PDB file of N, CA and C in Angstrom:
ATOM      1  N   MET A   1      63.846  68.377-139.077  1.00  0.00           N
ATOM      2  CA  MET A   1      62.480  68.216-139.560  1.00  0.00           C
ATOM      3  C   MET A   1      62.039  66.763-139.452  1.00  0.00           C
ATOM      4  N   SER A   2      62.875  65.870-139.933  1.00  0.00           N
ATOM      5  CA  SER A   2      62.524  64.447-139.893  1.00  0.00           C
ATOM      6  C   SER A   2      62.472  63.939-138.450  1.00  0.00           C
ATOM      7  N   LYS A   3      63.264  64.559-137.598  1.00  0.00           N
ATOM      8  CA  LYS A   3      63.260  64.144-136.196  1.00  0.00           C
ATOM      9  C   LYS A   3      61.923  64.473-135.539  1.00  0.00           C
ATOM     10  N   SER A   4      61.377  65.653-135.819  1.00  0.00           N
ATOM     11  CA  SER A   4      60.082  66.024-135.244  1.00  0.00           C
ATOM     12  C   SER A   4      58.972  65.150-135.820  1.00  0.00           C
ATOM     13  N   VAL A   5      59.070  64.799-137.095  1.00  0.00           N
ATOM     14  CA  VAL A   5      58.085  63.899-137.710  1.00  0.00           C
ATOM     15  C   VAL A   5      58.178  62.520-137.064  1.00  0.00           C
ATOM     16  N   ASN A   6      59.399  62.076-136.806  1.00  0.00           N
ATOM     17  CA  ASN A   6      59.622  60.805-136.133  1.00  0.00           C
ATOM     18  C   ASN A   6      59.019  60.827-134.738  1.00  0.00           C
ATOM     19  N   PHE A   7      59.237  61.922-134.039  1.00  0.00           N
ATOM     20  CA  PHE A   7      58.711  62.078-132.687  1.00  0.00           C
ATOM     21  C   PHE A   7      57.184  62.053-132.714  1.00  0.00           C
ATOM     22  N   PHE A   8      56.602  62.750-133.684  1.00  0.00           N
ATOM     23  CA  PHE A   8      55.144  62.772-133.800  1.00  0.00           C
ATOM     24  C   PHE A   8      54.614  61.383-134.117  1.00  0.00           C
ATOM     25  N   PHE A   9      55.334  60.651-134.948  1.00  0.00           N
ATOM     26  CA  PHE A   9      54.927  59.284-135.284  1.00  0.00           C
ATOM     27  C   PHE A   9      54.981  58.386-134.053  1.00  0.00           C
ATOM     28  N   ASP A  10      56.045  58.525-133.269  1.00  0.00           N
ATOM     29  CA  ASP A  10      56.158  57.760-132.020  1.00  0.00           C
ATOM     30  C   ASP A  10      55.015  58.106-131.078  1.00  0.00           C
ATOM     31  N   LEU A  11      54.693  59.385-130.993  1.00  0.00           N
ATOM     32  CA  LEU A  11      53.633  59.846-130.100  1.00  0.00           C
ATOM     33  C   LEU A  11      52.288  59.272-130.518  1.00  0.00           C
ATOM     34  N   SER A  12      52.008  59.290-131.816  1.00  0.00           N
ATOM     35  CA  SER A  12      50.730  58.751-132.296  1.00  0.00           C
ATOM     36  C   SER A  12      50.691  57.237-132.115  1.00  0.00           C
ATOM     37  N   PHE A  13      51.832  56.585-132.281  1.00  0.00           N
ATOM     38  CA  PHE A  13      51.894  55.141-132.072  1.00  0.00           C
ATOM     39  C   PHE A  13      51.624  54.805-130.605  1.00  0.00           C
ATOM     40  N   ILE A  14      52.251  55.547-129.705  1.00  0.00           N
ATOM     41  CA  ILE A  14      52.069  55.332-128.269  1.00  0.00           C
ATOM     42  C   ILE A  14      50.621  55.583-127.870  1.00  0.00           C
ATOM     43  N   SER A  15      50.041  56.681-128.364  1.00  0.00           N
ATOM     44  CA  SER A  15      48.662  57.000-127.998  1.00  0.00           C
ATOM     45  C   SER A  15      47.691  55.993-128.597  1.00  0.00           C
ATOM     46  N   SER A  16      47.990  55.499-129.787  1.00  0.00           N
ATOM     47  CA  SER A  16      47.108  54.499-130.392  1.00  0.00           C
ATOM     48  C   SER A  16      47.193  53.182-129.636  1.00  0.00           C
ATOM     49  N   PHE A  17      48.318  52.948-128.965  1.00  0.00           N
ATOM     50  CA  PHE A  17      48.428  51.756-128.133  1.00  0.00           C
ATOM     51  C   PHE A  17      47.795  51.981-126.768  1.00  0.00           C
ATOM     52  N   VAL A  18      48.021  53.156-126.187  1.00  0.00           N
ATOM     53  CA  VAL A  18      47.598  53.419-124.810  1.00  0.00           C
ATOM     54  C   VAL A  18      46.096  53.637-124.693  1.00  0.00           C
ATOM     55  N   TYR A  19      45.517  54.435-125.589  1.00  0.00           N
ATOM     56  CA  TYR A  19      44.103  54.792-125.430  1.00  0.00           C
ATOM     57  C   TYR A  19      43.152  53.608-125.432  1.00  0.00           C
ATOM     58  N   PRO A  20      43.279  52.646-126.350  1.00  0.00           N
ATOM     59  CA  PRO A  20      42.368  51.486-126.285  1.00  0.00           C
ATOM     60  C   PRO A  20      42.604  50.618-125.048  1.00  0.00           C
ATOM     61  N   ASN A  21      43.830  50.591-124.552  1.00  0.00           N
ATOM     62  CA  ASN A  21      44.180  49.724-123.430  1.00  0.00           C
ATOM     63  C   ASN A  21      44.303  50.494-122.118  1.00  0.00           C
ATOM     64  N   TRP A  22      43.773  51.724-122.084  1.00  0.00           N
ATOM     65  CA  TRP A  22      43.989  52.575-120.917  1.00  0.00           C
ATOM     66  C   TRP A  22      43.379  51.964-119.658  1.00  0.00           C
ATOM     67  N   PHE A  23      42.155  51.430-119.803  1.00  0.00           N
ATOM     68  CA  PHE A  23      41.493  50.833-118.642  1.00  0.00           C
ATOM     69  C   PHE A  23      42.294  49.633-118.133  1.00  0.00           C
ATOM     70  N   TYR A  24      42.775  48.806-119.038  1.00  0.00           N
ATOM     71  CA  TYR A  24      43.555  47.629-118.682  1.00  0.00           C
ATOM     72  C   TYR A  24      44.865  48.021-118.008  1.00  0.00           C
ATOM     73  N   ILE A  25      45.549  49.026-118.565  1.00  0.00           N
ATOM     74  CA  ILE A  25      46.813  49.497-117.997  1.00  0.00           C
ATOM     75  C   ILE A  25      46.575  50.084-116.602  1.00  0.00           C
ATOM     76  N   LYS A  26      45.463  50.846-116.458  1.00  0.00           N
ATOM     77  CA  LYS A  26      45.154  51.445-115.168  1.00  0.00           C
ATOM     78  C   LYS A  26      44.870  50.369-114.128  1.00  0.00           C
ATOM     79  N   GLN A  27      44.154  49.330-114.514  1.00  0.00           N
ATOM     80  CA  GLN A  27      43.867  48.224-113.599  1.00  0.00           C
ATOM     81  C   GLN A  27      45.146  47.503-113.190  1.00  0.00           C
ATOM     82  N   LEU A  28      46.037  47.278-114.146  1.00  0.00           N
ATOM     83  CA  LEU A  28      47.316  46.647-113.831  1.00  0.00           C
ATOM     84  C   LEU A  28      48.104  47.490-112.843  1.00  0.00           C
ATOM     85  N   PHE A  29      48.112  48.801-113.086  1.00  0.00           N
ATOM     86  CA  PHE A  29      48.861  49.700-112.220  1.00  0.00           C
ATOM     87  C   PHE A  29      48.277  49.719-110.813  1.00  0.00           C
ATOM     88  N   LEU A  30      46.943  49.754-110.716  1.00  0.00           N
ATOM     89  CA  LEU A  30      46.294  49.754-109.406  1.00  0.00           C
ATOM     90  C   LEU A  30      46.538  48.439-108.673  1.00  0.00           C
ATOM     91  N   ASN A  31      46.484  47.331-109.394  1.00  0.00           N
ATOM     92  CA  ASN A  31      46.777  46.035-108.778  1.00  0.00           C
ATOM     93  C   ASN A  31      48.214  45.983-108.277  1.00  0.00           C
ATOM     94  N   PHE A  32      49.127  46.576-109.061  1.00  0.00           N
ATOM     95  CA  PHE A  32      50.529  46.612-108.671  1.00  0.00           C
ATOM     96  C   PHE A  32      50.719  47.434-107.397  1.00  0.00           C
ATOM     97  N   LEU A  33      50.060  48.604-107.340  1.00  0.00           N
ATOM     98  CA  LEU A  33      50.154  49.435-106.138  1.00  0.00           C
ATOM     99  C   LEU A  33      49.552  48.734-104.932  1.00  0.00           C
ATOM    100  N   TRP A  34      48.446  48.053-105.144  1.00  0.00           N
ATOM    101  CA  TRP A  34      47.747  47.350-104.068  1.00  0.00           C
ATOM    102  C   TRP A  34      48.625  46.242-103.489  1.00  0.00           C
ATOM    103  N   SER A  35      49.203  45.423-104.366  1.00  0.00           N
ATOM    104  CA  SER A  35      50.065  44.328-103.900  1.00  0.00           C
ATOM    105  C   SER A  35      51.328  44.884-103.246  1.00  0.00           C
ATOM    106  N   LEU A  36      51.817  46.007-103.764  1.00  0.00           N
ATOM    107  CA  LEU A  36      53.007  46.617-103.179  1.00  0.00           C
ATOM    108  C   LEU A  36      52.732  47.124-101.768  1.00  0.00           C
ATOM    109  N   SER A  37      51.573  47.754-101.585  1.00  0.00           N
ATOM    110  CA  SER A  37      51.222  48.256-100.251  1.00  0.00           C
ATOM    111  C   SER A  37      50.993  47.094 -99.280  1.00  0.00           C
ATOM    112  N   LEU A  38      50.367  46.020 -99.760  1.00  0.00           N
ATOM    113  CA  LEU A  38      50.186  44.849 -98.911  1.00  0.00           C
ATOM    114  C   LEU A  38      51.531  44.256 -98.512  1.00  0.00           C
ATOM    115  N   PHE A  39      52.465  44.232 -99.466  1.00  0.00           N
ATOM    116  CA  PHE A  39      53.794  43.696 -99.198  1.00  0.00           C
ATOM    117  C   PHE A  39      54.530  44.555 -98.181  1.00  0.00           C
ATOM    118  N   LEU A  40      54.369  45.882 -98.278  1.00  0.00           N
ATOM    119  CA  LEU A  40      55.042  46.788 -97.340  1.00  0.00           C
ATOM    120  C   LEU A  40      54.427  46.696 -95.951  1.00  0.00           C
ATOM    121  N   VAL A  41      53.119  46.518 -95.879  1.00  0.00           N
ATOM    122  CA  VAL A  41      52.440  46.441 -94.578  1.00  0.00           C
ATOM    123  C   VAL A  41      52.766  45.119 -93.886  1.00  0.00           C
ATOM    124  N   ALA A  42      52.839  44.042 -94.644  1.00  0.00           N
ATOM    125  CA  ALA A  42      53.020  42.707 -94.072  1.00  0.00           C
ATOM    126  C   ALA A  42      54.424  42.520 -93.478  1.00  0.00           C
TER     127      ALA A  42
END
């Protein structure tokens, strides 16, 4: 029981961190993919 509550708490913590910063995280990820593709092409 406490394990599922712990899991739910972790999930809410993660979502509370991710949702406000989703645009920023997505931009970082896209920049990372972009630089990676440039590195592979070069």
